[in-house]
Protein backbone atom coordinates (compact mmCIF):
# COMPACT_ATOMS: atom_id res chain seq x y z
CA MET A 1 9.35 57.52 -50.21
CA GLU A 2 9.84 59.26 -53.46
CA ILE A 3 8.99 62.79 -54.33
CA SER A 4 8.93 64.64 -57.65
CA LEU A 5 8.27 68.36 -58.42
CA THR A 6 8.04 69.93 -61.94
CA TRP A 7 6.94 73.48 -62.91
CA SER A 8 6.05 75.35 -66.07
CA PRO A 9 7.06 77.53 -67.74
CA GLY A 10 10.60 76.33 -67.27
CA HIS A 11 12.05 80.03 -67.19
CA PRO A 12 9.25 82.09 -65.85
CA PRO A 13 9.12 85.85 -66.25
CA VAL A 14 8.74 88.22 -63.21
CA GLY A 15 5.09 88.46 -62.43
CA GLY A 16 4.12 85.44 -64.47
CA THR A 17 2.14 82.53 -63.18
CA VAL A 18 4.11 79.40 -62.50
CA THR A 19 2.38 76.09 -62.08
CA PHE A 20 4.15 73.57 -59.87
CA ILE A 21 3.14 69.92 -60.01
CA GLY A 22 4.05 67.56 -57.04
CA THR A 23 3.84 63.74 -56.56
CA ALA A 24 4.91 61.29 -53.92
CA SER A 25 4.74 57.58 -53.45
CA ASP A 26 5.47 55.52 -50.28
CA ASN A 27 5.63 51.84 -50.32
CA ASP A 28 5.02 51.37 -46.48
CA GLY A 29 2.80 54.15 -45.37
CA ALA A 30 0.22 56.81 -46.32
CA VAL A 31 1.12 60.42 -47.39
CA ARG A 32 -0.52 62.67 -44.88
CA GLU A 33 0.90 66.13 -45.45
CA ALA A 34 2.53 68.16 -48.21
CA ARG A 35 4.01 71.60 -47.97
CA ILE A 36 5.67 73.79 -50.75
CA CYS A 37 7.83 76.72 -50.18
CA TYR A 38 8.64 78.77 -53.13
CA GLY A 39 11.92 80.21 -51.84
CA ASP A 40 10.69 83.78 -51.61
CA GLY A 41 9.24 83.43 -48.16
CA ILE A 42 5.89 82.21 -49.07
CA CYS A 43 4.81 78.63 -48.28
CA GLU A 44 1.58 76.69 -48.37
CA GLY A 45 0.47 73.18 -47.50
CA ASP A 46 -2.17 70.48 -47.50
CA SER A 47 -3.14 68.01 -44.83
CA ILE A 48 -4.63 64.73 -46.20
CA ALA A 49 -7.27 63.22 -44.05
CA LEU A 50 -7.40 59.40 -44.33
CA SER A 51 -9.80 56.88 -42.97
CA SER A 52 -8.56 53.81 -40.82
CA LEU A 53 -9.25 51.64 -43.90
CA GLN A 54 -7.13 53.87 -46.19
CA LEU A 55 -4.31 53.84 -43.71
CA LEU A 56 -4.59 49.98 -43.56
CA ASN A 57 -4.58 49.74 -47.31
CA ALA A 58 -1.59 52.01 -47.62
CA CYS A 59 0.44 49.82 -45.04
CA VAL A 60 -0.40 46.80 -47.34
CA PHE A 61 -0.23 48.22 -50.87
CA GLY A 62 1.65 51.58 -50.41
CA ASP A 63 0.30 54.99 -51.27
CA ASN A 64 0.53 57.37 -54.26
CA TRP A 65 -0.28 61.13 -53.78
CA GLY A 66 -0.73 63.58 -56.44
CA PRO A 67 -0.44 64.96 -58.86
CA ARG A 68 -1.15 68.14 -56.83
CA SER A 69 -0.74 71.51 -58.49
CA TRP A 70 0.00 74.93 -57.01
CA GLN A 71 0.37 78.34 -58.71
CA HIS A 72 2.63 81.05 -57.80
CA ARG A 73 3.85 84.32 -58.98
CA TYR A 74 7.31 85.81 -58.24
CA THR A 75 7.51 89.55 -57.74
CA ARG A 76 11.30 89.81 -58.41
CA ALA A 77 13.98 88.26 -60.63
CA GLY A 78 16.41 85.78 -59.26
CA THR A 79 17.13 82.10 -58.48
CA PHE A 80 14.91 80.64 -55.86
CA GLN A 81 15.19 77.29 -53.83
CA VAL A 82 11.79 75.60 -54.13
CA LYS A 83 11.07 72.94 -51.40
CA LEU A 84 8.37 70.34 -51.46
CA THR A 85 8.22 68.51 -48.11
CA VAL A 86 5.99 65.41 -47.74
CA THR A 87 5.25 63.49 -44.51
CA SER A 88 3.86 59.93 -44.52
CA ARG A 89 2.44 58.10 -41.62
CA GLY A 90 4.07 54.80 -41.14
CA CYS A 91 2.40 51.44 -40.35
CA PRO A 92 2.58 49.86 -36.89
CA ILE A 93 6.21 48.81 -37.31
CA VAL A 94 7.34 51.67 -39.64
CA PRO A 95 8.10 55.17 -38.29
CA ASP A 96 6.60 58.34 -39.85
CA GLU A 97 8.82 59.63 -42.48
CA THR A 98 9.50 63.17 -43.88
CA ARG A 99 11.33 63.95 -47.01
CA THR A 100 12.12 67.20 -48.78
CA TYR A 101 12.67 67.66 -52.60
CA THR A 102 14.67 70.85 -53.30
CA ALA A 103 15.10 72.46 -56.82
CA SER A 104 16.28 75.85 -58.06
CA ILE A 105 14.08 77.95 -60.22
CA THR A 106 15.35 80.96 -62.12
CA VAL A 107 12.92 83.85 -62.57
CA GLY A 108 13.33 86.84 -64.89
């Protein structure tokens, strides 16, 4: 599974809105859950409901998720470790997989 996370602005001011964009792809399963933690104690997530047909298609063709965007405001200056964690459901012979992408963002 591959995950990417970008944000803008690149060097946000304290109190300014930061937009995060996440994507994921899995060549042998379906993306089922994504959770972002901003490094300041706040996290949020999404569960993705898929039909049996969508799961079967993901087992055969893989799955692409996103882009998904989140917005966040930091209330203090500093460097924060942002984490995007994605879980995919494996196919009958492939186990579920969880991966985390971590990046540092400097605010202030």
